[in-house]
Amino acid sequence: MANTKQAVKRARQAVKARSHNMAQRSELRTAIKKVTAAIAAGDKTAAEAVFKSSVSTIDSIADKKIIHKNKAARHKSRLSAAVKAIGAKAQAAA
């Protein structure tokens, strides 16, 4: 338990910040899952639309330093490659 007023206040603030950060991280995971689901469905136009909205979510969370900028870049790169691969699969099948 905190012994000083300052430590008590910091503990209160930490709880509030942690809950906010957890919500943001959950939003990130949801955005990634939406893109993955659109890719699995095989609809390239829908996947591209979802990917565009997810990129802004990923960037905003990285800007707030909830995740590292390189982790954000890695997610965006992998999702982008997967979206592009949908078109390649469709052309190969045709």
PDB file of N, CA and C in Angstrom:
ATOM      1  N   MET A   1       0.841  -1.186   0.000  1.00  0.00           N
ATOM      2  CA  MET A   1       0.000   0.000   0.000  1.00  0.00           C
ATOM      3  C   MET A   1       0.881   1.242   0.000  1.00  0.00           C
ATOM      4  N   ALA A   2       0.422   2.273  -0.683  1.00  0.00           N
ATOM      5  CA  ALA A   2       1.173   3.524  -0.770  1.00  0.00           C
ATOM      6  C   ALA A   2       1.187   4.239   0.579  1.00  0.00           C
ATOM      7  N   ASN A   3       2.331   4.844   0.902  1.00  0.00           N
ATOM      8  CA  ASN A   3       2.496   5.481   2.202  1.00  0.00           C
ATOM      9  C   ASN A   3       2.293   6.989   2.191  1.00  0.00           C
ATOM     10  N   THR A   4       2.392   7.612   1.035  1.00  0.00           N
ATOM     11  CA  THR A   4       2.274   9.065   0.969  1.00  0.00           C
ATOM     12  C   THR A   4       1.090   9.445   0.100  1.00  0.00           C
ATOM     13  N   LYS A   5       0.652  10.674   0.236  1.00  0.00           N
ATOM     14  CA  LYS A   5      -0.456  11.162  -0.596  1.00  0.00           C
ATOM     15  C   LYS A   5      -0.092  11.077  -2.069  1.00  0.00           C
ATOM     16  N   GLN A   6       1.152  11.435  -2.361  1.00  0.00           N
ATOM     17  CA  GLN A   6       1.617  11.413  -3.746  1.00  0.00           C
ATOM     18  C   GLN A   6       1.556   9.992  -4.317  1.00  0.00           C
ATOM     19  N   ALA A   7       1.999   9.018  -3.536  1.00  0.00           N
ATOM     20  CA  ALA A   7       1.993   7.629  -3.987  1.00  0.00           C
ATOM     21  C   ALA A   7       0.570   7.112  -4.155  1.00  0.00           C
ATOM     22  N   VAL A   8      -0.331   7.534  -3.281  1.00  0.00           N
ATOM     23  CA  VAL A   8      -1.737   7.126  -3.396  1.00  0.00           C
ATOM     24  C   VAL A   8      -2.329   7.667  -4.687  1.00  0.00           C
ATOM     25  N   LYS A   9      -2.044   8.928  -4.979  1.00  0.00           N
ATOM     26  CA  LYS A   9      -2.562   9.537  -6.201  1.00  0.00           C
ATOM     27  C   LYS A   9      -1.990   8.846  -7.437  1.00  0.00           C
ATOM     28  N   ARG A  10      -0.689   8.565  -7.428  1.00  0.00           N
ATOM     29  CA  ARG A  10      -0.064   7.895  -8.570  1.00  0.00           C
ATOM     30  C   ARG A  10      -0.669   6.505  -8.772  1.00  0.00           C
ATOM     31  N   ALA A  11      -0.976   5.808  -7.696  1.00  0.00           N
ATOM     32  CA  ALA A  11      -1.598   4.485  -7.801  1.00  0.00           C
ATOM     33  C   ALA A  11      -2.978   4.603  -8.444  1.00  0.00           C
ATOM     34  N   ARG A  12      -3.739   5.638  -8.042  1.00  0.00           N
ATOM     35  CA  ARG A  12      -5.064   5.877  -8.642  1.00  0.00           C
ATOM     36  C   ARG A  12      -4.924   6.161 -10.135  1.00  0.00           C
ATOM     37  N   GLN A  13      -3.971   7.015 -10.483  1.00  0.00           N
ATOM     38  CA  GLN A  13      -3.771   7.377 -11.884  1.00  0.00           C
ATOM     39  C   GLN A  13      -3.330   6.172 -12.706  1.00  0.00           C
ATOM     40  N   ALA A  14      -2.501   5.322 -12.115  1.00  0.00           N
ATOM     41  CA  ALA A  14      -2.008   4.145 -12.824  1.00  0.00           C
ATOM     42  C   ALA A  14      -3.148   3.202 -13.180  1.00  0.00           C
ATOM     43  N   VAL A  15      -4.098   3.046 -12.255  1.00  0.00           N
ATOM     44  CA  VAL A  15      -5.252   2.175 -12.510  1.00  0.00           C
ATOM     45  C   VAL A  15      -6.066   2.728 -13.680  1.00  0.00           C
ATOM     46  N   LYS A  16      -6.287   4.018 -13.683  1.00  0.00           N
ATOM     47  CA  LYS A  16      -7.067   4.658 -14.740  1.00  0.00           C
ATOM     48  C   LYS A  16      -6.355   4.546 -16.092  1.00  0.00           C
ATOM     49  N   ALA A  17      -5.043   4.805 -16.096  1.00  0.00           N
ATOM     50  CA  ALA A  17      -4.267   4.729 -17.340  1.00  0.00           C
ATOM     51  C   ALA A  17      -4.235   3.303 -17.871  1.00  0.00           C
ATOM     52  N   ARG A  18      -4.099   2.339 -16.966  1.00  0.00           N
ATOM     53  CA  ARG A  18      -4.042   0.941 -17.385  1.00  0.00           C
ATOM     54  C   ARG A  18      -5.343   0.513 -18.042  1.00  0.00           C
ATOM     55  N   SER A  19      -6.464   0.914 -17.475  1.00  0.00           N
ATOM     56  CA  SER A  19      -7.744   0.522 -18.070  1.00  0.00           C
ATOM     57  C   SER A  19      -7.928   1.167 -19.448  1.00  0.00           C
ATOM     58  N   HIS A  20      -7.479   2.404 -19.592  1.00  0.00           N
ATOM     59  CA  HIS A  20      -7.553   3.083 -20.893  1.00  0.00           C
ATOM     60  C   HIS A  20      -6.668   2.379 -21.915  1.00  0.00           C
ATOM     61  N   ASN A  21      -5.449   2.043 -21.507  1.00  0.00           N
ATOM     62  CA  ASN A  21      -4.517   1.379 -22.417  1.00  0.00           C
ATOM     63  C   ASN A  21      -5.020  -0.005 -22.824  1.00  0.00           C
ATOM     64  N   MET A  22      -5.634  -0.724 -21.882  1.00  0.00           N
ATOM     65  CA  MET A  22      -6.179  -2.048 -22.207  1.00  0.00           C
ATOM     66  C   MET A  22      -7.302  -1.923 -23.233  1.00  0.00           C
ATOM     67  N   ALA A  23      -8.134  -0.903 -23.093  1.00  0.00           N
ATOM     68  CA  ALA A  23      -9.224  -0.694 -24.051  1.00  0.00           C
ATOM     69  C   ALA A  23      -8.669  -0.381 -25.434  1.00  0.00           C
ATOM     70  N   GLN A  24      -7.628   0.436 -25.479  1.00  0.00           N
ATOM     71  CA  GLN A  24      -7.009   0.785 -26.761  1.00  0.00           C
ATOM     72  C   GLN A  24      -6.379  -0.454 -27.408  1.00  0.00           C
ATOM     73  N   ARG A  25      -5.708  -1.260 -26.596  1.00  0.00           N
ATOM     74  CA  ARG A  25      -5.070  -2.473 -27.118  1.00  0.00           C
ATOM     75  C   ARG A  25      -6.128  -3.444 -27.639  1.00  0.00           C
ATOM     76  N   SER A  26      -7.265  -3.511 -26.968  1.00  0.00           N
ATOM     77  CA  SER A  26      -8.364  -4.353 -27.415  1.00  0.00           C
ATOM     78  C   SER A  26      -8.904  -3.862 -28.759  1.00  0.00           C
ATOM     79  N   GLU A  27      -8.995  -2.549 -28.903  1.00  0.00           N
ATOM     80  CA  GLU A  27      -9.439  -1.958 -30.169  1.00  0.00           C
ATOM     81  C   GLU A  27      -8.477  -2.322 -31.303  1.00  0.00           C
ATOM     82  N   LEU A  28      -7.187  -2.329 -31.000  1.00  0.00           N
ATOM     83  CA  LEU A  28      -6.176  -2.722 -31.985  1.00  0.00           C
ATOM     84  C   LEU A  28      -6.387  -4.163 -32.423  1.00  0.00           C
ATOM     85  N   ARG A  29      -6.552  -5.051 -31.466  1.00  0.00           N
ATOM     86  CA  ARG A  29      -6.739  -6.466 -31.795  1.00  0.00           C
ATOM     87  C   ARG A  29      -8.009  -6.676 -32.626  1.00  0.00           C
ATOM     88  N   THR A  30      -9.064  -5.946 -32.288  1.00  0.00           N
ATOM     89  CA  THR A  30     -10.318  -6.058 -33.028  1.00  0.00           C
ATOM     90  C   THR A  30     -10.132  -5.595 -34.470  1.00  0.00           C
ATOM     91  N   ALA A  31      -9.397  -4.503 -34.664  1.00  0.00           N
ATOM     92  CA  ALA A  31      -9.152  -3.993 -36.015  1.00  0.00           C
ATOM     93  C   ALA A  31      -8.381  -5.016 -36.844  1.00  0.00           C
ATOM     94  N   ILE A  32      -7.400  -5.648 -36.237  1.00  0.00           N
ATOM     95  CA  ILE A  32      -6.607  -6.657 -36.947  1.00  0.00           C
ATOM     96  C   ILE A  32      -7.477  -7.864 -37.291  1.00  0.00           C
ATOM     97  N   LYS A  33      -8.334  -8.276 -36.353  1.00  0.00           N
ATOM     98  CA  LYS A  33      -9.209  -9.418 -36.601  1.00  0.00           C
ATOM     99  C   LYS A  33     -10.207  -9.132 -37.713  1.00  0.00           C
ATOM    100  N   LYS A  34     -10.690  -7.886 -37.803  1.00  0.00           N
ATOM    101  CA  LYS A  34     -11.634  -7.533 -38.862  1.00  0.00           C
ATOM    102  C   LYS A  34     -10.986  -7.682 -40.230  1.00  0.00           C
ATOM    103  N   VAL A  35      -9.744  -7.229 -40.357  1.00  0.00           N
ATOM    104  CA  VAL A  35      -9.033  -7.351 -41.631  1.00  0.00           C
ATOM    105  C   VAL A  35      -8.796  -8.822 -41.941  1.00  0.00           C
ATOM    106  N   THR A  36      -8.368  -9.585 -40.954  1.00  0.00           N
ATOM    107  CA  THR A  36      -8.106 -11.007 -41.152  1.00  0.00           C
ATOM    108  C   THR A  36      -9.369 -11.745 -41.592  1.00  0.00           C
ATOM    109  N   ALA A  37     -10.499 -11.387 -40.997  1.00  0.00           N
ATOM    110  CA  ALA A  37     -11.767 -12.022 -41.371  1.00  0.00           C
ATOM    111  C   ALA A  37     -12.155 -11.669 -42.803  1.00  0.00           C
ATOM    112  N   ALA A  38     -11.935 -10.412 -43.195  1.00  0.00           N
ATOM    113  CA  ALA A  38     -12.243  -9.992 -44.567  1.00  0.00           C
ATOM    114  C   ALA A  38     -11.342 -10.706 -45.564  1.00  0.00           C
ATOM    115  N   ILE A  39     -10.098 -10.926 -45.187  1.00  0.00           N
ATOM    116  CA  ILE A  39      -9.160 -11.646 -46.056  1.00  0.00           C
ATOM    117  C   ILE A  39      -9.605 -13.099 -46.198  1.00  0.00           C
ATOM    118  N   ALA A  40     -10.003 -13.699 -45.081  1.00  0.00           N
ATOM    119  CA  ALA A  40     -10.459 -15.093 -45.107  1.00  0.00           C
ATOM    120  C   ALA A  40     -11.707 -15.261 -45.970  1.00  0.00           C
ATOM    121  N   ALA A  41     -12.557 -14.230 -45.987  1.00  0.00           N
ATOM    122  CA  ALA A  41     -13.767 -14.276 -46.816  1.00  0.00           C
ATOM    123  C   ALA A  41     -13.420 -14.230 -48.301  1.00  0.00           C
ATOM    124  N   GLY A  42     -12.267 -13.663 -48.643  1.00  0.00           N
ATOM    125  CA  GLY A  42     -11.808 -13.648 -50.023  1.00  0.00           C
ATOM    126  C   GLY A  42     -12.297 -12.475 -50.853  1.00  0.00           C
ATOM    127  N   ASP A  43     -12.983 -11.525 -50.249  1.00  0.00           N
ATOM    128  CA  ASP A  43     -13.475 -10.360 -50.979  1.00  0.00           C
ATOM    129  C   ASP A  43     -12.432  -9.244 -50.899  1.00  0.00           C
ATOM    130  N   LYS A  44     -11.728  -9.023 -51.998  1.00  0.00           N
ATOM    131  CA  LYS A  44     -10.609  -8.074 -51.981  1.00  0.00           C
ATOM    132  C   LYS A  44     -11.063  -6.642 -51.739  1.00  0.00           C
ATOM    133  N   THR A  45     -12.151  -6.203 -52.352  1.00  0.00           N
ATOM    134  CA  THR A  45     -12.597  -4.816 -52.176  1.00  0.00           C
ATOM    135  C   THR A  45     -13.006  -4.550 -50.726  1.00  0.00           C
ATOM    136  N   ALA A  46     -13.693  -5.520 -50.120  1.00  0.00           N
ATOM    137  CA  ALA A  46     -14.082  -5.364 -48.713  1.00  0.00           C
ATOM    138  C   ALA A  46     -12.851  -5.380 -47.814  1.00  0.00           C
ATOM    139  N   ALA A  47     -11.901  -6.252 -48.128  1.00  0.00           N
ATOM    140  CA  ALA A  47     -10.676  -6.349 -47.330  1.00  0.00           C
ATOM    141  C   ALA A  47      -9.881  -5.056 -47.409  1.00  0.00           C
ATOM    142  N   GLU A  48      -9.824  -4.447 -48.593  1.00  0.00           N
ATOM    143  CA  GLU A  48      -9.094  -3.186 -48.752  1.00  0.00           C
ATOM    144  C   GLU A  48      -9.759  -2.065 -47.952  1.00  0.00           C
ATOM    145  N   ALA A  49     -11.085  -2.036 -47.970  1.00  0.00           N
ATOM    146  CA  ALA A  49     -11.815  -1.000 -47.227  1.00  0.00           C
ATOM    147  C   ALA A  49     -11.590  -1.145 -45.722  1.00  0.00           C
ATOM    148  N   VAL A  50     -11.674  -2.364 -45.229  1.00  0.00           N
ATOM    149  CA  VAL A  50     -11.464  -2.612 -43.803  1.00  0.00           C
ATOM    150  C   VAL A  50     -10.008  -2.323 -43.443  1.00  0.00           C
ATOM    151  N   PHE A  51      -9.095  -2.669 -44.337  1.00  0.00           N
ATOM    152  CA  PHE A  51      -7.669  -2.436 -44.082  1.00  0.00           C
ATOM    153  C   PHE A  51      -7.381  -0.946 -43.938  1.00  0.00           C
ATOM    154  N   LYS A  52      -7.988  -0.130 -44.804  1.00  0.00           N
ATOM    155  CA  LYS A  52      -7.762   1.325 -44.720  1.00  0.00           C
ATOM    156  C   LYS A  52      -8.206   1.885 -43.376  1.00  0.00           C
ATOM    157  N   SER A  53      -9.365   1.474 -42.894  1.00  0.00           N
ATOM    158  CA  SER A  53      -9.830   1.976 -41.602  1.00  0.00           C
ATOM    159  C   SER A  53      -8.980   1.434 -40.456  1.00  0.00           C
ATOM    160  N   SER A  54      -8.501   0.215 -40.593  1.00  0.00           N
ATOM    161  CA  SER A  54      -7.680  -0.388 -39.552  1.00  0.00           C
ATOM    162  C   SER A  54      -6.310   0.271 -39.459  1.00  0.00           C
ATOM    163  N   VAL A  55      -5.781   0.722 -40.588  1.00  0.00           N
ATOM    164  CA  VAL A  55      -4.469   1.382 -40.590  1.00  0.00           C
ATOM    165  C   VAL A  55      -4.517   2.644 -39.733  1.00  0.00           C
ATOM    166  N   SER A  56      -5.586   3.408 -39.844  1.00  0.00           N
ATOM    167  CA  SER A  56      -5.679   4.625 -39.040  1.00  0.00           C
ATOM    168  C   SER A  56      -5.781   4.289 -37.553  1.00  0.00           C
ATOM    169  N   THR A  57      -6.481   3.210 -37.224  1.00  0.00           N
ATOM    170  CA  THR A  57      -6.574   2.771 -35.830  1.00  0.00           C
ATOM    171  C   THR A  57      -5.205   2.349 -35.311  1.00  0.00           C
ATOM    172  N   ILE A  58      -4.494   1.565 -36.093  1.00  0.00           N
ATOM    173  CA  ILE A  58      -3.165   1.090 -35.698  1.00  0.00           C
ATOM    174  C   ILE A  58      -2.217   2.268 -35.508  1.00  0.00           C
ATOM    175  N   ASP A  59      -2.251   3.224 -36.438  1.00  0.00           N
ATOM    176  CA  ASP A  59      -1.372   4.391 -36.337  1.00  0.00           C
ATOM    177  C   ASP A  59      -1.678   5.233 -35.104  1.00  0.00           C
ATOM    178  N   SER A  60      -2.961   5.432 -34.813  1.00  0.00           N
ATOM    179  CA  SER A  60      -3.309   6.273 -33.668  1.00  0.00           C
ATOM    180  C   SER A  60      -2.874   5.619 -32.356  1.00  0.00           C
ATOM    181  N   ILE A  61      -2.968   4.307 -32.278  1.00  0.00           N
ATOM    182  CA  ILE A  61      -2.550   3.605 -31.072  1.00  0.00           C
ATOM    183  C   ILE A  61      -1.032   3.650 -30.930  1.00  0.00           C
ATOM    184  N   ALA A  62      -0.324   3.586 -32.047  1.00  0.00           N
ATOM    185  CA  ALA A  62       1.144   3.698 -32.004  1.00  0.00           C
ATOM    186  C   ALA A  62       1.560   5.115 -31.629  1.00  0.00           C
ATOM    187  N   ASP A  63       0.823   6.116 -32.113  1.00  0.00           N
ATOM    188  CA  ASP A  63       1.135   7.507 -31.782  1.00  0.00           C
ATOM    189  C   ASP A  63       0.990   7.768 -30.284  1.00  0.00           C
ATOM    190  N   LYS A  64       0.051   7.067 -29.652  1.00  0.00           N
ATOM    191  CA  LYS A  64      -0.159   7.224 -28.212  1.00  0.00           C
ATOM    192  C   LYS A  64       0.826   6.397 -27.393  1.00  0.00           C
ATOM    193  N   LYS A  65       1.709   5.685 -28.097  1.00  0.00           N
ATOM    194  CA  LYS A  65       2.770   4.862 -27.488  1.00  0.00           C
ATOM    195  C   LYS A  65       2.205   3.716 -26.655  1.00  0.00           C
ATOM    196  N   ILE A  66       1.050   3.213 -27.060  1.00  0.00           N
ATOM    197  CA  ILE A  66       0.487   2.037 -26.406  1.00  0.00           C
ATOM    198  C   ILE A  66       1.168   0.795 -26.969  1.00  0.00           C
ATOM    199  N   ILE A  67       1.504   0.844 -28.263  1.00  0.00           N
ATOM    200  CA  ILE A  67       2.375  -0.167 -28.856  1.00  0.00           C
ATOM    201  C   ILE A  67       3.521   0.568 -29.536  1.00  0.00           C
ATOM    202  N   HIS A  68       4.615  -0.136 -29.772  1.00  0.00           N
ATOM    203  CA  HIS A  68       5.780   0.469 -30.403  1.00  0.00           C
ATOM    204  C   HIS A  68       5.489   0.725 -31.877  1.00  0.00           C
ATOM    205  N   LYS A  69       6.087   1.757 -32.418  1.00  0.00           N
ATOM    206  CA  LYS A  69       5.846   2.120 -33.817  1.00  0.00           C
ATOM    207  C   LYS A  69       6.282   1.015 -34.771  1.00  0.00           C
ATOM    208  N   ASN A  70       7.323   0.274 -34.411  1.00  0.00           N
ATOM    209  CA  ASN A  70       7.765  -0.816 -35.289  1.00  0.00           C
ATOM    210  C   ASN A  70       6.776  -1.979 -35.271  1.00  0.00           C
ATOM    211  N   LYS A  71       6.135  -2.203 -34.138  1.00  0.00           N
ATOM    212  CA  LYS A  71       5.108  -3.244 -34.066  1.00  0.00           C
ATOM    213  C   LYS A  71       3.924  -2.848 -34.942  1.00  0.00           C
ATOM    214  N   ALA A  72       3.564  -1.584 -34.900  1.00  0.00           N
ATOM    215  CA  ALA A  72       2.471  -1.089 -35.746  1.00  0.00           C
ATOM    216  C   ALA A  72       2.827  -1.261 -37.216  1.00  0.00           C
ATOM    217  N   ALA A  73       4.058  -0.921 -37.571  1.00  0.00           N
ATOM    218  CA  ALA A  73       4.505  -1.044 -38.959  1.00  0.00           C
ATOM    219  C   ALA A  73       4.486  -2.509 -39.395  1.00  0.00           C
ATOM    220  N   ARG A  74       4.889  -3.395 -38.498  1.00  0.00           N
ATOM    221  CA  ARG A  74       4.904  -4.832 -38.817  1.00  0.00           C
ATOM    222  C   ARG A  74       3.489  -5.340 -39.080  1.00  0.00           C
ATOM    223  N   HIS A  75       2.538  -4.958 -38.228  1.00  0.00           N
ATOM    224  CA  HIS A  75       1.144  -5.373 -38.430  1.00  0.00           C
ATOM    225  C   HIS A  75       0.617  -4.850 -39.766  1.00  0.00           C
ATOM    226  N   LYS A  76       0.855  -3.572 -40.035  1.00  0.00           N
ATOM    227  CA  LYS A  76       0.352  -2.980 -41.281  1.00  0.00           C
ATOM    228  C   LYS A  76       0.966  -3.667 -42.492  1.00  0.00           C
ATOM    229  N   SER A  77       2.254  -3.956 -42.434  1.00  0.00           N
ATOM    230  CA  SER A  77       2.945  -4.590 -43.544  1.00  0.00           C
ATOM    231  C   SER A  77       2.391  -5.983 -43.821  1.00  0.00           C
ATOM    232  N   ARG A  78       2.215  -6.750 -42.779  1.00  0.00           N
ATOM    233  CA  ARG A  78       1.722  -8.123 -42.952  1.00  0.00           C
ATOM    234  C   ARG A  78       0.277  -8.149 -43.442  1.00  0.00           C
ATOM    235  N   LEU A  79      -0.541  -7.237 -42.909  1.00  0.00           N
ATOM    236  CA  LEU A  79      -1.932  -7.181 -43.361  1.00  0.00           C
ATOM    237  C   LEU A  79      -2.011  -6.725 -44.814  1.00  0.00           C
ATOM    238  N   SER A  80      -1.184  -5.751 -45.163  1.00  0.00           N
ATOM    239  CA  SER A  80      -1.156  -5.252 -46.537  1.00  0.00           C
ATOM    240  C   SER A  80      -0.752  -6.359 -47.510  1.00  0.00           C
ATOM    241  N   ALA A  81       0.264  -7.118 -47.146  1.00  0.00           N
ATOM    242  CA  ALA A  81       0.718  -8.217 -47.991  1.00  0.00           C
ATOM    243  C   ALA A  81      -0.376  -9.267 -48.150  1.00  0.00           C
ATOM    244  N   ALA A  82      -1.111  -9.532 -47.074  1.00  0.00           N
ATOM    245  CA  ALA A  82      -2.184 -10.520 -47.139  1.00  0.00           C
ATOM    246  C   ALA A  82      -3.333 -10.036 -48.018  1.00  0.00           C
ATOM    247  N   VAL A  83      -3.638  -8.737 -47.956  1.00  0.00           N
ATOM    248  CA  VAL A  83      -4.696  -8.179 -48.801  1.00  0.00           C
ATOM    249  C   VAL A  83      -4.276  -8.250 -50.267  1.00  0.00           C
ATOM    250  N   LYS A  84      -3.030  -7.920 -50.554  1.00  0.00           N
ATOM    251  CA  LYS A  84      -2.534  -7.988 -51.931  1.00  0.00           C
ATOM    252  C   LYS A  84      -2.522  -9.419 -52.447  1.00  0.00           C
ATOM    253  N   ALA A  85      -2.269 -10.371 -51.576  1.00  0.00           N
ATOM    254  CA  ALA A  85      -2.214 -11.777 -51.974  1.00  0.00           C
ATOM    255  C   ALA A  85      -3.572 -12.304 -52.421  1.00  0.00           C
ATOM    256  N   ILE A  86      -4.656 -11.678 -51.961  1.00  0.00           N
ATOM    257  CA  ILE A  86      -5.999 -12.110 -52.385  1.00  0.00           C
ATOM    258  C   ILE A  86      -6.117 -11.986 -53.899  1.00  0.00           C
ATOM    259  N   GLY A  87      -5.669 -10.859 -54.442  1.00  0.00           N
ATOM    260  CA  GLY A  87      -5.730 -10.638 -55.888  1.00  0.00           C
ATOM    261  C   GLY A  87      -4.864 -11.626 -56.647  1.00  0.00           C
ATOM    262  N   ALA A  88      -3.718 -11.951 -56.100  1.00  0.00           N
ATOM    263  CA  ALA A  88      -2.814 -12.904 -56.765  1.00  0.00           C
ATOM    264  C   ALA A  88      -3.434 -14.292 -56.814  1.00  0.00           C
ATOM    265  N   LYS A  89      -4.118 -14.677 -55.731  1.00  0.00           N
ATOM    266  CA  LYS A  89      -4.764 -15.989 -55.701  1.00  0.00           C
ATOM    267  C   LYS A  89      -5.900 -16.054 -56.719  1.00  0.00           C
ATOM    268  N   ALA A  90      -6.669 -14.964 -56.818  1.00  0.00           N
ATOM    269  CA  ALA A  90      -7.793 -14.928 -57.746  1.00  0.00           C
ATOM    270  C   ALA A  90      -7.313 -15.035 -59.198  1.00  0.00           C
ATOM    271  N   GLN A  91      -6.199 -14.345 -59.513  1.00  0.00           N
ATOM    272  CA  GLN A  91      -5.658 -14.387 -60.871  1.00  0.00           C
ATOM    273  C   GLN A  91      -5.075 -15.758 -61.187  1.00  0.00           C
ATOM    274  N   ALA A  92      -4.445 -16.396 -60.214  1.00  0.00           N
ATOM    275  CA  ALA A  92      -3.845 -17.715 -60.418  1.00  0.00           C
ATOM    276  C   ALA A  92      -4.931 -18.770 -60.643  1.00  0.00           C
ATOM    277  N   ALA A  93      -6.055 -18.618 -59.957  1.00  0.00           N
ATOM    278  CA  ALA A  93      -7.153 -19.567 -60.097  1.00  0.00           C
ATOM    279  C   ALA A  93      -7.859 -19.430 -61.442  1.00  0.00           C
ATOM    280  N   ALA A  94      -7.832 -18.233 -62.011  1.00  0.00           N
ATOM    281  CA  ALA A  94      -8.556 -17.982 -63.272  1.00  0.00           C
ATOM    282  C   ALA A  94      -7.803 -18.429 -64.482  1.00  0.00           C
TER     283      ALA A  94
END
